[in-house]
Amino acid sequence: MGGTAASAWAPTALALVLLVGCTPDTAVKTSHFEHDHVVAEHWPADLADVAVKLRERLAIENASESTLHEIEELISWTAEVAADTNLAEADWLPLYNASESLAANLRAAKGALTNENRKQIESLCDLVDEAVNKIPPQLNRLAKDQS
């Protein structure tokens, strides 16, 4: 009878071993950016914050190398942050083009903030401010306002 009891448990034990042994090593992915390790402290909270952060860094008279690097990053993130809003493509594209042009100019200047680059950064900030005013309100806000 001992052999019969063991053979009755064998399929259950085998299924349990296979189930435990075949589980994936990683948890279910909750983000496409799961492998990103750290979000930069100067990552903008929203599109308006891009202009705020750029202007803050631009106001620093003798900007350090890390501040210049943050300016370059903020410029490179502008289009991505804008794309995460519900801006129309026609309003998003000028931000993309301006940030790409400015990034190229900064690379050519080896990251130096020339007077021309400063003016171009300020123009990008103005463009961001204009775009923020074009972002349509959220649908749930519209529903609340209409009731």
C-alpha atoms as a PDB file:
ATOM      1  CA  MET A   1       0.000   0.000   0.000  1.00  0.00           C
ATOM      2  CA  GLY A   2       2.995   2.321   0.611  1.00  0.00           C
ATOM      3  CA  GLY A   3       3.832   2.146  -3.083  1.00  0.00           C
ATOM      4  CA  THR A   4       0.292   3.113  -4.061  1.00  0.00           C
ATOM      5  CA  ALA A   5       0.279   6.180  -1.767  1.00  0.00           C
ATOM      6  CA  ALA A   6       3.635   7.308  -3.145  1.00  0.00           C
ATOM      7  CA  SER A   7       2.472   6.871  -6.725  1.00  0.00           C
ATOM      8  CA  ALA A   8      -0.710   8.853  -5.944  1.00  0.00           C
ATOM      9  CA  TRP A   9       1.369  11.811  -4.660  1.00  0.00           C
ATOM     10  CA  ALA A  10       3.945  11.617  -7.447  1.00  0.00           C
ATOM     11  CA  PRO A  11       1.958  13.613 -10.055  1.00  0.00           C
ATOM     12  CA  THR A  12       1.103  16.299  -7.463  1.00  0.00           C
ATOM     13  CA  ALA A  13       4.714  16.560  -6.277  1.00  0.00           C
ATOM     14  CA  LEU A  14       5.961  16.674  -9.865  1.00  0.00           C
ATOM     15  CA  ALA A  15       3.472  19.436 -10.744  1.00  0.00           C
ATOM     16  CA  LEU A  16       4.513  21.415  -7.660  1.00  0.00           C
ATOM     17  CA  VAL A  17       8.219  21.109  -8.510  1.00  0.00           C
ATOM     18  CA  LEU A  18       7.584  22.146 -12.104  1.00  0.00           C
ATOM     19  CA  LEU A  19       5.396  25.055 -11.062  1.00  0.00           C
ATOM     20  CA  VAL A  20       7.922  26.401  -8.567  1.00  0.00           C
ATOM     21  CA  GLY A  21      10.900  25.648 -10.790  1.00  0.00           C
ATOM     22  CA  CYS A  22       9.405  27.235 -13.891  1.00  0.00           C
ATOM     23  CA  THR A  23       8.377  30.597 -12.514  1.00  0.00           C
ATOM     24  CA  PRO A  24      10.098  33.540 -14.135  1.00  0.00           C
ATOM     25  CA  ASP A  25      13.023  35.106 -12.314  1.00  0.00           C
ATOM     26  CA  THR A  26      11.598  38.603 -12.632  1.00  0.00           C
ATOM     27  CA  ALA A  27       8.313  40.044 -11.506  1.00  0.00           C
ATOM     28  CA  VAL A  28       5.736  41.272 -13.954  1.00  0.00           C
ATOM     29  CA  LYS A  29       7.056  44.392 -15.654  1.00  0.00           C
ATOM     30  CA  THR A  30       5.193  47.511 -14.710  1.00  0.00           C
ATOM     31  CA  SER A  31       7.128  49.883 -16.942  1.00  0.00           C
ATOM     32  CA  HIS A  32       9.013  49.917 -20.211  1.00  0.00           C
ATOM     33  CA  PHE A  33      11.681  51.866 -18.355  1.00  0.00           C
ATOM     34  CA  GLU A  34      12.110  49.302 -15.607  1.00  0.00           C
ATOM     35  CA  HIS A  35      15.811  48.985 -16.293  1.00  0.00           C
ATOM     36  CA  ASP A  36      16.359  52.689 -15.762  1.00  0.00           C
ATOM     37  CA  HIS A  37      18.086  52.951 -12.441  1.00  0.00           C
ATOM     38  CA  VAL A  38      17.597  56.495 -11.291  1.00  0.00           C
ATOM     39  CA  VAL A  39      15.496  59.443 -12.324  1.00  0.00           C
ATOM     40  CA  ALA A  40      17.618  62.572 -12.348  1.00  0.00           C
ATOM     41  CA  GLU A  41      16.832  65.056  -9.585  1.00  0.00           C
ATOM     42  CA  HIS A  42      16.443  67.778 -12.183  1.00  0.00           C
ATOM     43  CA  TRP A  43      13.939  65.792 -14.280  1.00  0.00           C
ATOM     44  CA  PRO A  44      11.072  68.243 -14.926  1.00  0.00           C
ATOM     45  CA  ALA A  45       7.748  67.659 -13.212  1.00  0.00           C
ATOM     46  CA  ASP A  46       5.897  68.783 -16.338  1.00  0.00           C
ATOM     47  CA  LEU A  47       6.412  70.838 -19.472  1.00  0.00           C
ATOM     48  CA  ALA A  48       6.191  74.192 -17.662  1.00  0.00           C
ATOM     49  CA  ASP A  49       8.903  72.999 -15.284  1.00  0.00           C
ATOM     50  CA  VAL A  50      11.307  72.583 -18.221  1.00  0.00           C
ATOM     51  CA  ALA A  51      11.312  76.350 -18.775  1.00  0.00           C
ATOM     52  CA  VAL A  52      11.540  77.060 -15.036  1.00  0.00           C
ATOM     53  CA  LYS A  53      14.536  74.763 -14.590  1.00  0.00           C
ATOM     54  CA  LEU A  54      16.297  76.089 -17.690  1.00  0.00           C
ATOM     55  CA  ARG A  55      15.819  79.699 -16.587  1.00  0.00           C
ATOM     56  CA  GLU A  56      17.087  78.905 -13.081  1.00  0.00           C
ATOM     57  CA  ARG A  57      20.263  77.399 -14.484  1.00  0.00           C
ATOM     58  CA  LEU A  58      20.659  80.128 -17.074  1.00  0.00           C
ATOM     59  CA  ALA A  59      20.570  82.729 -14.272  1.00  0.00           C
ATOM     60  CA  ILE A  60      23.670  81.223 -12.640  1.00  0.00           C
ATOM     61  CA  GLU A  61      26.475  83.603 -13.556  1.00  0.00           C
ATOM     62  CA  ASN A  62      29.411  81.191 -13.488  1.00  0.00           C
ATOM     63  CA  ALA A  63      27.676  77.895 -14.160  1.00  0.00           C
ATOM     64  CA  SER A  64      29.596  74.789 -13.168  1.00  0.00           C
ATOM     65  CA  GLU A  65      30.216  71.913 -15.511  1.00  0.00           C
ATOM     66  CA  SER A  66      27.425  69.933 -13.845  1.00  0.00           C
ATOM     67  CA  THR A  67      25.002  72.846 -14.311  1.00  0.00           C
ATOM     68  CA  LEU A  68      25.935  73.042 -17.994  1.00  0.00           C
ATOM     69  CA  HIS A  69      25.339  69.299 -18.254  1.00  0.00           C
ATOM     70  CA  GLU A  70      21.909  69.713 -16.629  1.00  0.00           C
ATOM     71  CA  ILE A  71      21.057  72.438 -19.154  1.00  0.00           C
ATOM     72  CA  GLU A  72      22.001  70.096 -21.994  1.00  0.00           C
ATOM     73  CA  GLU A  73      19.877  67.321 -20.471  1.00  0.00           C
ATOM     74  CA  LEU A  74      16.867  69.561 -19.930  1.00  0.00           C
ATOM     75  CA  ILE A  75      17.074  70.674 -23.542  1.00  0.00           C
ATOM     76  CA  SER A  76      17.334  67.074 -24.732  1.00  0.00           C
ATOM     77  CA  TRP A  77      14.312  66.092 -22.587  1.00  0.00           C
ATOM     78  CA  THR A  78      12.093  68.949 -23.780  1.00  0.00           C
ATOM     79  CA  ALA A  79      10.560  67.092 -26.717  1.00  0.00           C
ATOM     80  CA  GLU A  80      10.025  63.944 -24.647  1.00  0.00           C
ATOM     81  CA  VAL A  81       8.263  65.853 -21.873  1.00  0.00           C
ATOM     82  CA  ALA A  82       6.165  67.722 -24.447  1.00  0.00           C
ATOM     83  CA  ALA A  83       5.230  64.450 -26.132  1.00  0.00           C
ATOM     84  CA  ASP A  84       3.916  63.183 -22.787  1.00  0.00           C
ATOM     85  CA  THR A  85       1.321  65.966 -22.739  1.00  0.00           C
ATOM     86  CA  ASN A  86      -1.854  66.083 -24.763  1.00  0.00           C
ATOM     87  CA  LEU A  87      -0.461  68.804 -27.029  1.00  0.00           C
ATOM     88  CA  ALA A  88      -1.437  68.586 -30.656  1.00  0.00           C
ATOM     89  CA  GLU A  89       1.383  67.431 -32.918  1.00  0.00           C
ATOM     90  CA  ALA A  90       1.480  70.843 -34.590  1.00  0.00           C
ATOM     91  CA  ASP A  91       2.244  72.391 -31.186  1.00  0.00           C
ATOM     92  CA  TRP A  92       4.732  69.690 -30.185  1.00  0.00           C
ATOM     93  CA  LEU A  93       6.857  69.751 -33.342  1.00  0.00           C
ATOM     94  CA  PRO A  94       8.251  73.296 -32.879  1.00  0.00           C
ATOM     95  CA  LEU A  95       9.514  72.265 -29.425  1.00  0.00           C
ATOM     96  CA  TYR A  96      11.154  69.200 -30.914  1.00  0.00           C
ATOM     97  CA  ASN A  97      12.795  71.191 -33.714  1.00  0.00           C
ATOM     98  CA  ALA A  98      13.962  73.980 -31.410  1.00  0.00           C
ATOM     99  CA  SER A  99      15.424  71.587 -28.836  1.00  0.00           C
ATOM    100  CA  GLU A 100      17.211  69.548 -31.527  1.00  0.00           C
ATOM    101  CA  SER A 101      18.680  72.698 -33.082  1.00  0.00           C
ATOM    102  CA  LEU A 102      19.778  74.021 -29.705  1.00  0.00           C
ATOM    103  CA  ALA A 103      21.319  70.680 -28.712  1.00  0.00           C
ATOM    104  CA  ALA A 104      23.319  70.689 -31.956  1.00  0.00           C
ATOM    105  CA  ASN A 105      24.514  74.247 -31.303  1.00  0.00           C
ATOM    106  CA  LEU A 106      25.594  73.346 -27.763  1.00  0.00           C
ATOM    107  CA  ARG A 107      27.491  70.320 -29.056  1.00  0.00           C
ATOM    108  CA  ALA A 108      29.239  72.514 -31.611  1.00  0.00           C
ATOM    109  CA  ALA A 109      30.150  74.987 -28.862  1.00  0.00           C
ATOM    110  CA  LYS A 110      31.431  72.091 -26.703  1.00  0.00           C
ATOM    111  CA  GLY A 111      28.777  72.904 -24.089  1.00  0.00           C
ATOM    112  CA  ALA A 112      29.845  76.531 -23.689  1.00  0.00           C
ATOM    113  CA  LEU A 113      27.052  78.991 -23.093  1.00  0.00           C
ATOM    114  CA  THR A 114      27.716  81.603 -25.711  1.00  0.00           C
ATOM    115  CA  ASN A 115      25.497  84.690 -25.878  1.00  0.00           C
ATOM    116  CA  GLU A 116      23.811  83.171 -28.924  1.00  0.00           C
ATOM    117  CA  ASN A 117      23.175  79.896 -27.068  1.00  0.00           C
ATOM    118  CA  ARG A 118      21.758  81.811 -24.092  1.00  0.00           C
ATOM    119  CA  LYS A 119      19.361  83.670 -26.402  1.00  0.00           C
ATOM    120  CA  GLN A 120      18.351  80.410 -28.054  1.00  0.00           C
ATOM    121  CA  ILE A 121      17.706  78.783 -24.648  1.00  0.00           C
ATOM    122  CA  GLU A 122      15.545  81.730 -23.623  1.00  0.00           C
ATOM    123  CA  SER A 123      13.648  81.432 -26.926  1.00  0.00           C
ATOM    124  CA  LEU A 124      13.091  77.738 -26.194  1.00  0.00           C
ATOM    125  CA  CYS A 125      11.741  78.679 -22.759  1.00  0.00           C
ATOM    126  CA  ASP A 126       9.354  81.173 -24.373  1.00  0.00           C
ATOM    127  CA  LEU A 127       8.260  78.499 -26.830  1.00  0.00           C
ATOM    128  CA  VAL A 128       7.644  76.087 -23.929  1.00  0.00           C
ATOM    129  CA  ASP A 129       5.566  78.752 -22.142  1.00  0.00           C
ATOM    130  CA  GLU A 130       3.466  79.256 -25.282  1.00  0.00           C
ATOM    131  CA  ALA A 131       2.994  75.502 -25.694  1.00  0.00           C
ATOM    132  CA  VAL A 132       1.921  75.076 -22.053  1.00  0.00           C
ATOM    133  CA  ASN A 133      -0.895  77.559 -22.683  1.00  0.00           C
ATOM    134  CA  LYS A 134      -2.063  75.404 -25.622  1.00  0.00           C
ATOM    135  CA  ILE A 135      -2.331  72.172 -23.645  1.00  0.00           C
ATOM    136  CA  PRO A 136      -6.016  71.236 -23.632  1.00  0.00           C
ATOM    137  CA  PRO A 137      -7.571  70.767 -20.205  1.00  0.00           C
ATOM    138  CA  GLN A 138      -8.190  67.220 -19.043  1.00  0.00           C
ATOM    139  CA  LEU A 139     -11.552  65.730 -19.983  1.00  0.00           C
ATOM    140  CA  ASN A 140     -12.513  65.057 -16.361  1.00  0.00           C
ATOM    141  CA  ARG A 141     -11.950  68.739 -15.537  1.00  0.00           C
ATOM    142  CA  LEU A 142     -14.258  69.697 -18.391  1.00  0.00           C
ATOM    143  CA  ALA A 143     -16.950  67.375 -17.089  1.00  0.00           C
ATOM    144  CA  LYS A 144     -16.707  68.884 -13.586  1.00  0.00           C
ATOM    145  CA  ASP A 145     -16.808  72.433 -14.915  1.00  0.00           C
ATOM    146  CA  GLN A 146     -19.903  71.728 -17.025  1.00  0.00           C
ATOM    147  CA  SER A 147     -21.938  70.228 -14.172  1.00  0.00           C
END
